[in-house]
Amino acid sequence: MLKVGTGKHYKFWDDFWMHNVPVKLLYDDLYKMAREPSCFVADYWEDGTWVVDFVRCFYIQEYGWLGLLENLNDMPLQTL
């Protein structure tokens, strides 16, 4: 697993920081609904919690959101 440090240098959806594949390939449906598809990993890490912003609300079971959350919780970032 890649160590992303604070996440300021890795694009959340595009770079190979989770399971050696871009997150947008693992969770294509979620990527299509991302409000900021070009944001960095650090942009979604707020006060020790993952906060991913989408263009609409949806149930936690939809589109693999629960799977993404589980993967993200296994990868906490360093804080400054």
C-alpha atoms as a PDB file:
ATOM      1  CA  MET A   1       0.000   0.000   0.000  1.00  0.00           C
ATOM      2  CA  LEU A   2       1.307   3.438  -0.931  1.00  0.00           C
ATOM      3  CA  LYS A   3       1.942   5.887   1.898  1.00  0.00           C
ATOM      4  CA  VAL A   4       0.326   9.159   0.908  1.00  0.00           C
ATOM      5  CA  GLY A   5       1.486  11.256   3.854  1.00  0.00           C
ATOM      6  CA  THR A   6      -0.833  14.238   4.132  1.00  0.00           C
ATOM      7  CA  GLY A   7      -2.424  13.542   0.724  1.00  0.00           C
ATOM      8  CA  LYS A   8      -1.576  16.958  -0.708  1.00  0.00           C
ATOM      9  CA  HIS A   9       0.319  15.530  -3.686  1.00  0.00           C
ATOM     10  CA  TYR A  10      -2.089  12.794  -4.809  1.00  0.00           C
ATOM     11  CA  LYS A  11      -5.280  13.277  -6.797  1.00  0.00           C
ATOM     12  CA  PHE A  12      -8.076  11.442  -5.007  1.00  0.00           C
ATOM     13  CA  TRP A  13      -9.767   9.941  -8.058  1.00  0.00           C
ATOM     14  CA  ASP A  14      -6.898   9.814 -10.584  1.00  0.00           C
ATOM     15  CA  ASP A  15      -3.704   8.709  -8.838  1.00  0.00           C
ATOM     16  CA  PHE A  16      -2.573   5.212  -7.828  1.00  0.00           C
ATOM     17  CA  TRP A  17      -2.758   5.659  -4.038  1.00  0.00           C
ATOM     18  CA  MET A  18      -5.397   3.036  -3.102  1.00  0.00           C
ATOM     19  CA  HIS A  19      -4.773  -0.624  -3.985  1.00  0.00           C
ATOM     20  CA  ASN A  20      -2.390   0.416  -6.803  1.00  0.00           C
ATOM     21  CA  VAL A  21      -5.240   1.511  -9.064  1.00  0.00           C
ATOM     22  CA  PRO A  22      -7.017   4.873  -9.494  1.00  0.00           C
ATOM     23  CA  VAL A  23     -10.055   5.171  -7.223  1.00  0.00           C
ATOM     24  CA  LYS A  24     -12.141   6.214 -10.246  1.00  0.00           C
ATOM     25  CA  LEU A  25     -11.619   2.732 -11.718  1.00  0.00           C
ATOM     26  CA  LEU A  26     -12.550   0.984  -8.469  1.00  0.00           C
ATOM     27  CA  TYR A  27     -15.647   3.145  -7.931  1.00  0.00           C
ATOM     28  CA  ASP A  28     -16.628   4.433 -11.364  1.00  0.00           C
ATOM     29  CA  ASP A  29     -20.241   5.235 -10.448  1.00  0.00           C
ATOM     30  CA  LEU A  30     -19.129   7.333  -7.472  1.00  0.00           C
ATOM     31  CA  TYR A  31     -16.506   9.091  -9.583  1.00  0.00           C
ATOM     32  CA  LYS A  32     -19.201  10.153 -12.052  1.00  0.00           C
ATOM     33  CA  MET A  33     -21.074  11.851  -9.186  1.00  0.00           C
ATOM     34  CA  ALA A  34     -18.061  13.546  -7.552  1.00  0.00           C
ATOM     35  CA  ARG A  35     -18.551  17.274  -7.163  1.00  0.00           C
ATOM     36  CA  GLU A  36     -14.792  17.928  -7.537  1.00  0.00           C
ATOM     37  CA  PRO A  37     -13.298  15.094  -9.630  1.00  0.00           C
ATOM     38  CA  SER A  38      -9.865  16.750  -9.765  1.00  0.00           C
ATOM     39  CA  CYS A  39      -9.392  17.273  -6.008  1.00  0.00           C
ATOM     40  CA  PHE A  40      -6.504  15.957  -3.937  1.00  0.00           C
ATOM     41  CA  VAL A  41      -6.712  13.220  -1.304  1.00  0.00           C
ATOM     42  CA  ALA A  42      -6.189  15.842   1.432  1.00  0.00           C
ATOM     43  CA  ASP A  43      -9.265  17.762   0.225  1.00  0.00           C
ATOM     44  CA  TYR A  44     -11.503  14.933   1.455  1.00  0.00           C
ATOM     45  CA  TRP A  45      -9.732  14.473   4.818  1.00  0.00           C
ATOM     46  CA  GLU A  46     -11.250  16.817   7.429  1.00  0.00           C
ATOM     47  CA  ASP A  47     -10.495  16.655  11.147  1.00  0.00           C
ATOM     48  CA  GLY A  48      -9.561  12.961  10.992  1.00  0.00           C
ATOM     49  CA  THR A  49     -12.627  11.964   8.962  1.00  0.00           C
ATOM     50  CA  TRP A  50     -13.197  11.269   5.284  1.00  0.00           C
ATOM     51  CA  VAL A  51     -15.689  13.720   3.756  1.00  0.00           C
ATOM     52  CA  VAL A  52     -16.277  13.067   0.057  1.00  0.00           C
ATOM     53  CA  ASP A  53     -18.582  15.526  -1.701  1.00  0.00           C
ATOM     54  CA  PHE A  54     -21.002  14.391  -4.403  1.00  0.00           C
ATOM     55  CA  VAL A  55     -23.440  16.232  -6.671  1.00  0.00           C
ATOM     56  CA  ARG A  56     -26.406  14.565  -4.980  1.00  0.00           C
ATOM     57  CA  CYS A  57     -27.258  12.671  -1.819  1.00  0.00           C
ATOM     58  CA  PHE A  58     -27.732   8.923  -1.967  1.00  0.00           C
ATOM     59  CA  TYR A  59     -28.229   5.965   0.324  1.00  0.00           C
ATOM     60  CA  ILE A  60     -25.074   4.513   1.843  1.00  0.00           C
ATOM     61  CA  GLN A  61     -25.733   1.218   0.008  1.00  0.00           C
ATOM     62  CA  GLU A  62     -25.793   2.902  -3.410  1.00  0.00           C
ATOM     63  CA  TYR A  63     -22.891   2.810  -5.854  1.00  0.00           C
ATOM     64  CA  GLY A  64     -20.364   1.110  -3.598  1.00  0.00           C
ATOM     65  CA  TRP A  65     -20.146   4.035  -1.152  1.00  0.00           C
ATOM     66  CA  LEU A  66     -19.885   1.659   1.821  1.00  0.00           C
ATOM     67  CA  GLY A  67     -16.994  -0.213   0.164  1.00  0.00           C
ATOM     68  CA  LEU A  68     -15.160   3.030  -0.568  1.00  0.00           C
ATOM     69  CA  LEU A  69     -15.660   4.195   3.016  1.00  0.00           C
ATOM     70  CA  GLU A  70     -14.241   0.924   4.364  1.00  0.00           C
ATOM     71  CA  ASN A  71     -11.171   1.262   2.137  1.00  0.00           C
ATOM     72  CA  LEU A  72     -10.685   4.900   3.128  1.00  0.00           C
ATOM     73  CA  ASN A  73     -10.941   4.130   6.841  1.00  0.00           C
ATOM     74  CA  ASP A  74      -8.036   1.716   6.429  1.00  0.00           C
ATOM     75  CA  MET A  75      -5.914   4.590   5.069  1.00  0.00           C
ATOM     76  CA  PRO A  76      -5.864   7.502   7.524  1.00  0.00           C
ATOM     77  CA  LEU A  77      -3.639  10.399   6.535  1.00  0.00           C
ATOM     78  CA  GLN A  78      -0.938  12.129   8.524  1.00  0.00           C
ATOM     79  CA  THR A  79      -1.887  15.436  10.037  1.00  0.00           C
ATOM     80  CA  LEU A  80       0.265  18.530   9.934  1.00  0.00           C
END
